[in-house]
């Protein structure tokens, strides 16, 4: 159930990035960068990075790139800390 929720959220994030890319091309309503970053921070970093790479969206935009990278490093650090703490008890 948790994996399905995680995957669904990352698909939603990918679609949001796609929407923003289309709006950028067509001059439509854009998604705020802060919203895109919050979606990544809240667990959608995989969808955000996939969209950034596959759609070539926000690949050169600074400081957006640096903030997204910081979010990913933070999440990896948190995951590694949790895995280490779980193994430490045993």
Protein backbone atom coordinates (compact mmCIF):
# COMPACT_ATOMS: atom_id res chain seq x y z
CA UNK A 1 0.00 0.00 0.00
CA UNK A 2 2.79 2.44 0.91
CA UNK A 3 4.69 1.59 -2.28
CA UNK A 4 1.57 2.16 -4.40
CA UNK A 5 1.00 5.53 -2.73
CA UNK A 6 4.64 6.49 -3.28
CA UNK A 7 4.48 5.52 -6.95
CA UNK A 8 1.16 7.31 -7.49
CA UNK A 9 2.50 10.49 -5.89
CA UNK A 10 5.62 10.41 -8.06
CA UNK A 11 3.48 9.93 -11.17
CA UNK A 12 1.44 12.95 -10.07
CA UNK A 13 4.64 14.97 -9.65
CA UNK A 14 5.84 13.89 -13.11
CA UNK A 15 2.51 14.96 -14.63
CA UNK A 16 2.73 18.30 -12.82
CA UNK A 17 6.18 18.91 -14.30
CA UNK A 18 4.85 17.88 -17.74
CA UNK A 19 1.95 20.32 -17.34
CA UNK A 20 4.37 23.11 -16.46
CA UNK A 21 6.57 22.25 -19.46
CA UNK A 22 3.56 22.44 -21.77
CA UNK A 23 2.51 25.76 -20.24
CA UNK A 24 6.04 27.09 -20.75
CA UNK A 25 5.89 26.16 -24.42
CA UNK A 26 2.37 27.50 -24.99
CA UNK A 27 2.39 30.57 -22.76
CA UNK A 28 -0.19 29.10 -20.40
CA UNK A 29 -0.64 29.09 -16.63
CA UNK A 30 2.61 27.98 -14.95
CA UNK A 31 3.17 26.01 -11.78
CA UNK A 32 5.21 27.98 -9.23
CA UNK A 33 8.76 26.76 -8.75
CA UNK A 34 8.18 26.63 -5.01
CA UNK A 35 5.28 24.23 -5.61
CA UNK A 36 7.44 21.99 -7.80
CA UNK A 37 10.14 21.93 -5.14
CA UNK A 38 7.64 21.23 -2.33
CA UNK A 39 6.26 18.29 -4.32
CA UNK A 40 9.79 16.90 -4.60
CA UNK A 41 10.46 17.54 -0.90
CA UNK A 42 7.25 15.77 0.15
CA UNK A 43 8.36 12.55 -1.53
CA UNK A 44 8.11 13.19 -5.25
CA UNK A 45 11.80 13.65 -5.94
CA UNK A 46 11.98 10.58 -8.20
CA UNK A 47 9.13 11.90 -10.35
CA UNK A 48 10.71 15.36 -10.34
CA UNK A 49 14.12 14.12 -11.48
CA UNK A 50 12.63 11.83 -14.11
CA UNK A 51 10.54 14.68 -15.47
CA UNK A 52 13.49 17.03 -15.41
CA UNK A 53 15.63 14.58 -17.38
CA UNK A 54 13.05 13.10 -19.76
CA UNK A 55 11.19 16.34 -20.48
CA UNK A 56 14.33 18.50 -20.31
CA UNK A 57 12.46 20.84 -18.00
CA UNK A 58 14.28 23.21 -15.63
CA UNK A 59 17.61 21.55 -16.39
CA UNK A 60 19.51 24.86 -16.57
CA UNK A 61 17.40 26.96 -14.20
CA UNK A 62 19.27 28.10 -11.11
CA UNK A 63 18.78 28.05 -8.18
CA UNK A 64 16.02 25.51 -8.93
CA UNK A 65 18.54 22.81 -9.91
CA UNK A 66 20.57 23.32 -6.75
CA UNK A 67 17.50 23.25 -4.51
CA UNK A 68 16.26 20.04 -6.13
CA UNK A 69 19.70 18.46 -5.72
CA UNK A 70 19.75 19.51 -2.04
CA UNK A 71 16.33 17.91 -1.52
CA UNK A 72 17.56 14.66 -3.05
CA UNK A 73 20.75 14.64 -0.95
CA UNK A 74 18.66 15.31 2.18
CA UNK A 75 16.26 12.47 1.36
CA UNK A 76 19.08 10.01 0.64
CA UNK A 77 20.75 11.01 3.91
CA UNK A 78 17.49 10.48 5.79
CA UNK A 79 16.94 7.07 4.22
CA UNK A 80 20.51 5.98 4.99
CA UNK A 81 20.15 7.23 8.57
CA UNK A 82 16.93 5.28 9.05
CA UNK A 83 18.47 2.13 7.59
CA UNK A 84 21.53 2.51 9.79
CA UNK A 85 19.43 3.12 12.89
CA UNK A 86 17.27 0.07 12.11
CA UNK A 87 20.36 -2.14 11.76
CA UNK A 88 21.98 -0.67 14.84
CA UNK A 89 19.27 -2.10 17.12
CA UNK A 90 19.93 -5.64 15.91
